[in-house]
Amino acid sequence: MFKIKGYLKKFWYLILACICLLFVQAQTELTLPDYMSDIVSVGIQAGGFASPVSDVLTEETYQHLLLFVDQKDQKTVKKDYKKVSKVNQDIIDTFPKAKGKTVYQLKDLSSDEESELENILMKPMLIITSLDSMDTSSKEYQEKFGQLPPNMSVYDAISFMDESQKSKMFEDMDTRIDTMGESTLKIAAGNGVKAEYKKLGADIDKVQTDYIFKDVRNCFTWNSGCNFSCFLCNKSWCWCSACFKKRCF
């Protein structure tokens, strides 16, 4: 046993390299299913929108969101978005219908700041998406808002409510949100961002295509890394075994 250990000492660096390569191979194999799932759930089902945070918001949507954001969190939203009265060409290239309008543009945020903003806007974006898609003649709409005066929108009515009235009105939505997983919530809220992009004339098909291609590229990269690690590991073990056999026998 000690004699074998003496021979193995000469190949310690190869043995260590093989262990590291096996670790890399395991990591890449575990990462691939996540990317494949992301392509289906976000890329195909959600159209490439998996966040309640939009790069650009119309003034109308921005004000609607603030109706459902706590006073404390409103400071964060106002800090993270900047008002743009004169839209530049970069914004117009992506959002053609923003020309001549006042919009709110997302500032450059760190990953922690963006994650905080996602948590703040998750529920408000879901509420707005639900309200905008609600049939005014439906039973649910009539129970919540009844017959509104002419020229008064749902959001005008909500603006007159205090926090307790808003909470009571949307408590059924709170219950549904509690039963949804985090990824499902992001996709559902992402539909609101998708609607906002469409309202501003963005090419949502391009957003979806770019998202899927990005994930496919990542899949290919990780898969190539997995195969290459496996190849190097096998070659290293074979060479190590051949040298060991030659020295021992």
Protein backbone atom coordinates (compact mmCIF):
# COMPACT_ATOMS: atom_id res chain seq x y z
CA MET A 1 0.00 0.00 0.00
CA PHE A 2 2.85 2.39 0.93
CA LYS A 3 4.64 1.43 -2.26
CA ILE A 4 1.57 2.41 -4.33
CA LYS A 5 1.32 5.64 -2.35
CA GLY A 6 4.90 6.43 -3.29
CA TYR A 7 4.11 6.00 -6.98
CA LEU A 8 0.91 8.06 -6.70
CA LYS A 9 2.83 10.98 -5.22
CA LYS A 10 4.44 11.60 -8.59
CA PHE A 11 0.99 12.07 -10.19
CA TRP A 12 -0.65 14.17 -7.47
CA TYR A 13 -1.16 17.12 -9.80
CA LEU A 14 -2.97 14.94 -12.37
CA ILE A 15 -5.18 13.37 -9.71
CA LEU A 16 -6.03 16.83 -8.37
CA ALA A 17 -6.77 18.07 -11.92
CA CYS A 18 -9.10 15.12 -12.52
CA ILE A 19 -11.01 15.81 -9.30
CA CYS A 20 -11.40 19.48 -10.29
CA LEU A 21 -12.57 18.51 -13.78
CA LEU A 22 -15.12 16.09 -12.33
CA PHE A 23 -16.43 18.94 -10.16
CA VAL A 24 -16.71 21.23 -13.22
CA GLN A 25 -18.48 18.49 -15.17
CA ALA A 26 -21.00 17.94 -12.34
CA GLN A 27 -21.70 21.68 -12.07
CA THR A 28 -22.31 22.07 -15.81
CA GLU A 29 -24.61 19.02 -15.90
CA LEU A 30 -26.65 20.45 -13.01
CA THR A 31 -26.89 23.89 -14.66
CA LEU A 32 -28.20 22.70 -18.03
CA PRO A 33 -31.72 21.69 -16.82
CA ASP A 34 -32.21 25.19 -15.35
CA TYR A 35 -31.49 26.80 -18.71
CA MET A 36 -33.76 24.34 -20.54
CA SER A 37 -36.58 25.06 -18.07
CA ASP A 38 -35.98 28.81 -18.44
CA ILE A 39 -36.29 28.58 -22.24
CA VAL A 40 -39.73 26.95 -21.93
CA SER A 41 -41.20 28.89 -18.99
CA VAL A 42 -39.81 32.38 -19.61
CA GLY A 43 -38.69 32.32 -23.23
CA ILE A 44 -41.77 30.63 -24.73
CA GLN A 45 -44.61 31.01 -22.21
CA ALA A 46 -43.76 34.52 -20.92
CA GLY A 47 -42.31 35.86 -24.16
CA GLY A 48 -38.95 36.68 -22.58
CA PHE A 49 -40.40 38.80 -19.75
CA ALA A 50 -39.66 37.41 -16.30
CA SER A 51 -39.54 40.54 -14.16
CA PRO A 52 -42.08 43.15 -13.00
CA VAL A 53 -39.45 45.86 -13.59
CA SER A 54 -39.78 47.64 -16.94
CA ASP A 55 -36.91 49.61 -18.46
CA VAL A 56 -39.36 52.33 -19.48
CA LEU A 57 -42.82 53.19 -18.13
CA THR A 58 -45.45 55.53 -19.49
CA GLU A 59 -46.41 58.32 -17.09
CA GLU A 60 -49.87 56.76 -16.78
CA THR A 61 -48.57 53.32 -15.76
CA TYR A 62 -46.00 54.86 -13.41
CA GLN A 63 -48.75 56.74 -11.54
CA HIS A 64 -50.95 53.63 -11.49
CA LEU A 65 -48.14 51.60 -9.92
CA LEU A 66 -47.63 54.18 -7.18
CA LEU A 67 -51.28 53.76 -6.17
CA PHE A 68 -50.48 50.24 -4.96
CA VAL A 69 -47.02 50.88 -3.48
CA ASP A 70 -46.62 51.66 0.22
CA GLN A 71 -45.55 55.18 1.16
CA LYS A 72 -42.19 53.88 2.37
CA ASP A 73 -41.51 51.95 -0.85
CA GLN A 74 -42.61 54.85 -3.06
CA LYS A 75 -39.31 56.58 -2.20
CA THR A 76 -37.41 53.61 -3.64
CA VAL A 77 -39.49 53.57 -6.83
CA LYS A 78 -39.05 57.32 -7.30
CA LYS A 79 -35.31 56.98 -6.66
CA ASP A 80 -34.86 54.13 -9.17
CA TYR A 81 -36.81 55.74 -12.02
CA LYS A 82 -36.04 59.10 -13.58
CA LYS A 83 -38.58 61.29 -15.35
CA VAL A 84 -37.76 61.93 -19.02
CA SER A 85 -39.78 64.75 -20.57
CA LYS A 86 -37.70 64.91 -23.73
CA VAL A 87 -37.13 61.37 -25.01
CA ASN A 88 -33.79 60.76 -26.72
CA GLN A 89 -33.20 58.71 -29.86
CA ASP A 90 -31.95 55.64 -27.96
CA ILE A 91 -35.32 55.28 -26.23
CA ILE A 92 -37.24 55.99 -29.45
CA ASP A 93 -35.29 53.27 -31.30
CA THR A 94 -36.58 50.68 -28.82
CA PHE A 95 -39.90 52.33 -27.94
CA PRO A 96 -41.09 54.24 -31.06
CA LYS A 97 -44.42 55.33 -29.52
CA ALA A 98 -42.58 57.06 -26.64
CA LYS A 99 -41.74 59.94 -29.00
CA GLY A 100 -43.26 63.19 -27.76
CA LYS A 101 -44.37 61.63 -24.47
CA THR A 102 -43.20 61.89 -20.89
CA VAL A 103 -41.83 58.56 -19.70
CA TYR A 104 -40.01 57.18 -16.68
CA GLN A 105 -36.71 55.43 -17.41
CA LEU A 106 -35.07 52.89 -15.12
CA LYS A 107 -31.69 53.99 -13.79
CA ASP A 108 -28.61 51.76 -13.73
CA LEU A 109 -29.12 49.59 -10.65
CA SER A 110 -27.03 47.03 -8.84
CA SER A 111 -28.34 43.47 -8.65
CA ASP A 112 -29.42 44.04 -5.02
CA GLU A 113 -31.25 47.27 -5.89
CA GLU A 114 -33.00 45.60 -8.83
CA SER A 115 -34.02 42.67 -6.64
CA GLU A 116 -35.48 45.09 -4.07
CA LEU A 117 -37.39 46.93 -6.80
CA GLU A 118 -38.75 43.61 -8.14
CA ASN A 119 -40.15 42.76 -4.71
CA ILE A 120 -41.77 46.19 -4.45
CA LEU A 121 -43.37 46.16 -7.91
CA MET A 122 -44.39 42.49 -8.03
CA LYS A 123 -47.86 42.88 -6.50
CA PRO A 124 -48.66 46.33 -8.03
CA MET A 125 -47.81 45.09 -11.52
CA LEU A 126 -50.00 42.01 -11.03
CA ILE A 127 -52.91 44.19 -9.86
CA ILE A 128 -52.57 46.55 -12.83
CA THR A 129 -52.39 43.63 -15.27
CA SER A 130 -55.52 42.14 -13.68
CA LEU A 131 -57.46 45.45 -13.72
CA ASP A 132 -56.54 46.26 -17.31
CA SER A 133 -57.70 42.84 -18.50
CA MET A 134 -60.93 42.88 -16.44
CA ASP A 135 -64.24 43.02 -18.30
CA THR A 136 -66.20 46.05 -17.08
CA SER A 137 -69.45 44.12 -17.43
CA SER A 138 -68.22 41.14 -15.41
CA LYS A 139 -69.63 40.26 -12.00
CA GLU A 140 -66.24 40.66 -10.31
CA TYR A 141 -65.83 44.18 -11.70
CA GLN A 142 -69.33 45.22 -10.63
CA GLU A 143 -68.80 43.83 -7.12
CA LYS A 144 -65.55 45.74 -6.71
CA PHE A 145 -66.34 49.06 -8.38
CA GLY A 146 -70.07 49.14 -9.15
CA GLN A 147 -71.24 51.79 -11.62
CA LEU A 148 -68.57 54.48 -11.82
CA PRO A 149 -69.48 58.07 -12.79
CA PRO A 150 -68.83 59.12 -16.41
CA ASN A 151 -65.19 60.03 -17.18
CA MET A 152 -63.98 58.32 -14.01
CA SER A 153 -61.61 55.39 -14.45
CA VAL A 154 -60.98 52.54 -12.04
CA TYR A 155 -57.69 54.13 -11.06
CA ASP A 156 -59.38 57.45 -10.31
CA ALA A 157 -61.72 55.64 -7.91
CA ILE A 158 -58.84 53.77 -6.26
CA SER A 159 -56.89 57.03 -5.75
CA PHE A 160 -59.61 58.17 -3.32
CA MET A 161 -59.26 55.04 -1.18
CA ASP A 162 -57.04 54.74 1.89
CA GLU A 163 -54.63 51.83 2.47
CA SER A 164 -57.13 49.73 4.44
CA GLN A 165 -59.79 50.03 1.72
CA LYS A 166 -57.28 49.01 -0.95
CA SER A 167 -56.12 46.03 1.11
CA LYS A 168 -59.70 44.86 1.64
CA MET A 169 -60.57 45.26 -2.04
CA PHE A 170 -57.60 43.18 -3.24
CA GLU A 171 -57.41 40.64 -0.42
CA ASP A 172 -58.57 37.88 -2.79
CA MET A 173 -55.60 38.66 -5.01
CA ASP A 174 -53.29 38.52 -1.98
CA THR A 175 -54.57 35.01 -1.32
CA ARG A 176 -53.86 33.94 -4.91
CA ILE A 177 -50.38 35.50 -4.80
CA ASP A 178 -49.53 33.58 -1.62
CA THR A 179 -50.22 30.28 -3.40
CA MET A 180 -48.01 31.12 -6.39
CA GLY A 181 -44.31 30.27 -6.54
CA GLU A 182 -41.68 32.98 -7.03
CA SER A 183 -40.93 32.07 -10.65
CA THR A 184 -44.67 31.97 -11.48
CA LEU A 185 -45.14 35.37 -9.85
CA LYS A 186 -42.32 36.88 -11.92
CA ILE A 187 -43.74 35.48 -15.15
CA ALA A 188 -47.27 36.72 -14.31
CA ALA A 189 -45.95 40.19 -13.42
CA GLY A 190 -43.77 40.09 -16.53
CA ASN A 191 -46.96 40.05 -18.60
CA GLY A 192 -47.60 43.57 -17.33
CA VAL A 193 -44.17 44.66 -18.55
CA LYS A 194 -44.86 42.95 -21.87
CA ALA A 195 -48.11 44.96 -22.20
CA GLU A 196 -46.19 48.14 -21.38
CA TYR A 197 -43.59 47.38 -24.07
CA LYS A 198 -46.37 46.76 -26.56
CA LYS A 199 -48.06 50.04 -25.59
CA LEU A 200 -44.81 51.89 -26.30
CA GLY A 201 -44.37 50.18 -29.68
CA ALA A 202 -41.47 47.90 -28.75
CA ASP A 203 -40.81 44.79 -30.83
CA ILE A 204 -41.87 42.15 -28.29
CA ASP A 205 -41.15 39.33 -30.74
CA LYS A 206 -37.52 40.47 -30.86
CA VAL A 207 -37.39 40.52 -27.05
CA GLN A 208 -38.58 36.91 -26.99
CA THR A 209 -36.20 35.80 -29.74
CA ASP A 210 -33.21 37.49 -28.09
CA TYR A 211 -34.05 35.91 -24.73
CA ILE A 212 -34.34 32.40 -26.20
CA PHE A 213 -31.14 32.78 -28.23
CA LYS A 214 -29.30 33.97 -25.12
CA ASP A 215 -30.41 30.89 -23.17
CA VAL A 216 -29.64 28.57 -26.09
CA ARG A 217 -26.16 30.11 -26.32
CA ASN A 218 -25.66 29.58 -22.60
CA CYS A 219 -26.85 25.97 -22.92
CA PHE A 220 -24.39 25.38 -25.74
CA THR A 221 -21.55 26.97 -23.74
CA TRP A 222 -22.25 24.93 -20.61
CA ASN A 223 -22.74 21.74 -22.62
CA SER A 224 -19.44 22.31 -24.44
CA GLY A 225 -17.74 22.93 -21.11
CA CYS A 226 -19.23 19.71 -19.74
CA ASN A 227 -18.06 17.65 -22.72
CA PHE A 228 -14.60 19.25 -22.72
CA SER A 229 -14.18 18.64 -18.97
CA CYS A 230 -15.23 15.02 -19.44
CA PHE A 231 -12.77 14.62 -22.33
CA LEU A 232 -9.84 16.11 -20.38
CA CYS A 233 -10.70 14.09 -17.29
CA ASN A 234 -10.77 10.79 -19.23
CA LYS A 235 -7.52 11.60 -21.05
CA SER A 236 -5.82 12.55 -17.78
CA TRP A 237 -6.94 9.34 -16.06
CA CYS A 238 -5.84 7.24 -19.02
CA TRP A 239 -2.40 8.86 -19.15
CA CYS A 240 -2.03 8.62 -15.38
CA SER A 241 -3.04 4.93 -15.44
CA ALA A 242 -0.65 4.15 -18.29
CA CYS A 243 2.29 5.82 -16.51
CA PHE A 244 1.41 4.17 -13.22
CA LYS A 245 1.19 0.74 -14.88
CA LYS A 246 4.52 1.25 -16.64
CA ARG A 247 6.32 2.21 -13.41
CA CYS A 248 4.74 -0.54 -11.29
CA PHE A 249 4.99 -3.41 -13.75
